[in-house]
Amino acid sequence: MKEIEYYVWNDTDNISTHWDTFKSKKEAEKFIKEFRERYKKQGYYRDNQWNKIAPENIQLTIKKVN
């Protein structure tokens, strides 16, 4: 039986946030937390349209690898 793997999709920019997959949903959730933390010092994330977005408003979704 194949293990379920996950990836994190950035709905804000419509791209994947990471080139690798995660072995558990918990790992993906940890990645999301760390992803948002990277932008807290500067106070914003720039989307692909150069809009400033608060780190907590970056839309990220955990998806299963098919």
C-alpha atoms as a PDB file:
ATOM      1  CA  MET A   1       0.000   0.000   0.000  1.00  0.00           C
ATOM      2  CA  LYS A   2       1.338   3.400  -0.995  1.00  0.00           C
ATOM      3  CA  GLU A   3       1.847   5.948   1.780  1.00  0.00           C
ATOM      4  CA  ILE A   4      -0.151   9.142   1.567  1.00  0.00           C
ATOM      5  CA  GLU A   5       1.999  12.191   0.937  1.00  0.00           C
ATOM      6  CA  TYR A   6       1.065  15.852   1.057  1.00  0.00           C
ATOM      7  CA  TYR A   7       2.141  19.107  -0.517  1.00  0.00           C
ATOM      8  CA  VAL A   8       1.351  22.713   0.304  1.00  0.00           C
ATOM      9  CA  TRP A   9      -0.330  24.821  -2.356  1.00  0.00           C
ATOM     10  CA  ASN A  10      -0.119  28.612  -2.273  1.00  0.00           C
ATOM     11  CA  ASP A  11      -3.622  29.733  -3.279  1.00  0.00           C
ATOM     12  CA  THR A  12      -2.537  33.366  -3.054  1.00  0.00           C
ATOM     13  CA  ASP A  13      -0.115  32.953  -5.974  1.00  0.00           C
ATOM     14  CA  ASN A  14      -1.522  29.734  -7.474  1.00  0.00           C
ATOM     15  CA  ILE A  15       1.786  27.857  -7.140  1.00  0.00           C
ATOM     16  CA  SER A  16       3.306  25.134  -5.006  1.00  0.00           C
ATOM     17  CA  THR A  17       5.183  26.452  -1.979  1.00  0.00           C
ATOM     18  CA  HIS A  18       7.696  23.628  -1.787  1.00  0.00           C
ATOM     19  CA  TRP A  19       9.360  21.313  -4.285  1.00  0.00           C
ATOM     20  CA  ASP A  20       9.215  18.345  -1.943  1.00  0.00           C
ATOM     21  CA  THR A  21       6.320  16.401  -0.428  1.00  0.00           C
ATOM     22  CA  PHE A  22       5.605  15.804   3.236  1.00  0.00           C
ATOM     23  CA  LYS A  23       5.094  12.370   4.788  1.00  0.00           C
ATOM     24  CA  SER A  24       2.347  13.576   7.105  1.00  0.00           C
ATOM     25  CA  LYS A  25      -0.240  16.304   7.380  1.00  0.00           C
ATOM     26  CA  LYS A  26       1.443  17.378  10.624  1.00  0.00           C
ATOM     27  CA  GLU A  27       4.723  18.029   8.752  1.00  0.00           C
ATOM     28  CA  ALA A  28       2.840  20.099   6.174  1.00  0.00           C
ATOM     29  CA  GLU A  29       1.157  22.106   8.931  1.00  0.00           C
ATOM     30  CA  LYS A  30       4.565  22.760  10.515  1.00  0.00           C
ATOM     31  CA  PHE A  31       5.876  23.954   7.147  1.00  0.00           C
ATOM     32  CA  ILE A  32       2.938  26.383   6.808  1.00  0.00           C
ATOM     33  CA  LYS A  33       3.655  27.835  10.238  1.00  0.00           C
ATOM     34  CA  GLU A  34       7.347  28.269   9.378  1.00  0.00           C
ATOM     35  CA  PHE A  35       6.492  29.696   5.937  1.00  0.00           C
ATOM     36  CA  ARG A  36       4.400  32.444   7.512  1.00  0.00           C
ATOM     37  CA  GLU A  37       7.024  33.091  10.214  1.00  0.00           C
ATOM     38  CA  ARG A  38       9.589  33.962   7.515  1.00  0.00           C
ATOM     39  CA  TYR A  39       7.601  37.067   6.616  1.00  0.00           C
ATOM     40  CA  LYS A  40       6.689  38.307  10.097  1.00  0.00           C
ATOM     41  CA  LYS A  41       9.893  40.316  10.633  1.00  0.00           C
ATOM     42  CA  GLN A  42       9.327  42.423   7.519  1.00  0.00           C
ATOM     43  CA  GLY A  43       5.595  42.453   8.244  1.00  0.00           C
ATOM     44  CA  TYR A  44       4.290  41.361   4.861  1.00  0.00           C
ATOM     45  CA  TYR A  45       4.426  38.873   2.005  1.00  0.00           C
ATOM     46  CA  ARG A  46       4.480  40.084  -1.587  1.00  0.00           C
ATOM     47  CA  ASP A  47       2.245  38.095  -3.879  1.00  0.00           C
ATOM     48  CA  ASN A  48       2.940  37.621  -7.592  1.00  0.00           C
ATOM     49  CA  GLN A  49       1.145  40.906  -8.319  1.00  0.00           C
ATOM     50  CA  TRP A  50       3.423  42.738  -5.833  1.00  0.00           C
ATOM     51  CA  ASN A  51       0.608  43.331  -3.349  1.00  0.00           C
ATOM     52  CA  LYS A  52       1.633  43.383   0.301  1.00  0.00           C
ATOM     53  CA  ILE A  53      -0.208  40.747   2.318  1.00  0.00           C
ATOM     54  CA  ALA A  54      -0.038  40.131   6.056  1.00  0.00           C
ATOM     55  CA  PRO A  55       1.690  36.768   6.671  1.00  0.00           C
ATOM     56  CA  GLU A  56      -1.381  35.377   8.431  1.00  0.00           C
ATOM     57  CA  ASN A  57      -3.466  36.126   5.318  1.00  0.00           C
ATOM     58  CA  ILE A  58      -1.383  34.068   2.889  1.00  0.00           C
ATOM     59  CA  GLN A  59      -3.811  31.440   1.607  1.00  0.00           C
ATOM     60  CA  LEU A  60      -2.151  28.006   1.855  1.00  0.00           C
ATOM     61  CA  THR A  61      -3.803  24.615   1.374  1.00  0.00           C
ATOM     62  CA  ILE A  62      -2.548  21.155   2.249  1.00  0.00           C
ATOM     63  CA  LYS A  63      -3.296  18.718  -0.568  1.00  0.00           C
ATOM     64  CA  LYS A  64      -2.771  14.992  -0.990  1.00  0.00           C
ATOM     65  CA  VAL A  65      -0.424  13.791  -3.684  1.00  0.00           C
ATOM     66  CA  ASN A  66      -2.337  11.683  -6.195  1.00  0.00           C
END
